[in-house]
Amino acid sequence: MSVKASVSLSPQQEELARKLVEEGHYSSLAAVVQRGLELVREETEMREEDVEALQALIEERRKGKFLTAEESSAQIEAMIARVKASYGL
């Protein structure tokens, strides 16, 4: 089912939408707007998934062992030394 809605576009947006229709990329201005909304929906869903994944990672890390600043520095230095050694430095 379709819902009719009035949408205001800037002159630049209208020009781009009309050009896309004229070039045959979309069948109508409505199709351009619909595609734009679909892209916004996809982007929003991906952002929400990213936030959920980051929250899960943070929660997982909170359950693990915390390092002191000294332990962290030692691990970083060891990692740098391993990489340097792998390059023969």
Protein backbone atom coordinates (compact mmCIF):
# COMPACT_ATOMS: atom_id res chain seq x y z
CA MET A 1 0.00 0.00 0.00
CA SER A 2 1.28 3.45 -0.86
CA VAL A 3 0.92 6.55 1.23
CA LYS A 4 0.91 9.94 -0.42
CA ALA A 5 3.01 12.57 1.30
CA SER A 6 4.16 16.03 0.38
CA VAL A 7 7.92 16.44 0.40
CA SER A 8 9.91 19.65 0.05
CA LEU A 9 13.21 19.48 -1.79
CA SER A 10 15.93 22.06 -2.15
CA PRO A 11 16.53 23.27 -5.69
CA GLN A 12 19.72 21.17 -5.82
CA GLN A 13 17.91 18.06 -4.65
CA GLU A 14 15.14 18.56 -7.19
CA GLU A 15 17.66 19.11 -9.97
CA LEU A 16 19.49 15.89 -9.09
CA ALA A 17 16.25 13.89 -8.78
CA ARG A 18 14.96 15.14 -12.13
CA LYS A 19 18.32 14.39 -13.78
CA LEU A 20 18.23 10.81 -12.42
CA VAL A 21 14.73 10.36 -13.85
CA GLU A 22 15.66 11.93 -17.20
CA GLU A 23 18.71 9.65 -17.49
CA GLY A 24 16.49 6.64 -16.87
CA HIS A 25 17.92 5.64 -13.51
CA TYR A 26 14.51 5.96 -11.88
CA SER A 27 10.99 5.96 -13.23
CA SER A 28 9.78 8.99 -11.26
CA LEU A 29 10.65 11.55 -8.63
CA ALA A 30 8.75 9.40 -6.15
CA ALA A 31 11.03 6.46 -7.00
CA VAL A 32 14.09 8.62 -6.31
CA VAL A 33 12.71 9.68 -2.93
CA GLN A 34 11.74 6.08 -2.11
CA ARG A 35 15.26 4.89 -2.91
CA GLY A 36 16.71 7.67 -0.76
CA LEU A 37 14.55 6.60 2.16
CA GLU A 38 15.55 2.97 1.63
CA LEU A 39 19.21 3.97 1.78
CA VAL A 40 18.60 5.92 5.00
CA ARG A 41 16.82 2.87 6.47
CA GLU A 42 19.73 0.59 5.52
CA GLU A 43 22.26 3.04 6.92
CA THR A 44 20.30 3.33 10.17
CA GLU A 45 20.06 -0.44 10.55
CA MET A 46 23.79 -0.85 9.91
CA ARG A 47 24.60 1.85 12.48
CA GLU A 48 22.33 0.16 15.02
CA GLU A 49 24.03 -3.19 14.34
CA ASP A 50 27.44 -1.57 14.76
CA VAL A 51 26.41 -0.02 18.08
CA GLU A 52 25.04 -3.35 19.31
CA ALA A 53 28.26 -5.13 18.29
CA LEU A 54 30.38 -2.50 20.05
CA GLN A 55 28.24 -2.73 23.17
CA ALA A 56 28.62 -6.51 23.17
CA LEU A 57 32.38 -6.20 22.72
CA ILE A 58 32.64 -3.69 25.56
CA GLU A 59 30.58 -5.94 27.83
CA GLU A 60 32.78 -8.94 26.91
CA ARG A 61 35.92 -6.95 27.64
CA ARG A 62 34.54 -5.79 30.99
CA LYS A 63 34.26 -9.41 32.05
CA GLY A 64 37.94 -10.04 31.27
CA LYS A 65 41.16 -9.25 33.09
CA PHE A 66 42.15 -5.60 33.34
CA LEU A 67 45.79 -4.68 32.93
CA THR A 68 47.67 -2.10 34.89
CA ALA A 69 49.30 0.71 32.95
CA GLU A 70 52.65 -1.01 33.45
CA GLU A 71 51.35 -4.38 32.18
CA SER A 72 49.77 -2.70 29.18
CA SER A 73 52.99 -0.82 28.36
CA ALA A 74 55.00 -4.03 28.66
CA GLN A 75 52.65 -5.85 26.27
CA ILE A 76 52.83 -3.00 23.77
CA GLU A 77 56.62 -2.91 23.93
CA ALA A 78 56.76 -6.68 23.45
CA MET A 79 54.45 -6.44 20.44
CA ILE A 80 56.60 -3.69 18.90
CA ALA A 81 59.72 -5.79 19.49
CA ARG A 82 58.12 -8.82 17.78
CA VAL A 83 57.14 -6.75 14.75
CA LYS A 84 60.60 -5.19 14.52
CA ALA A 85 62.18 -8.63 14.79
CA SER A 86 59.94 -9.93 12.01
CA TYR A 87 61.41 -7.20 9.78
CA GLY A 88 64.94 -7.94 10.95
CA LEU A 89 65.30 -4.70 12.84
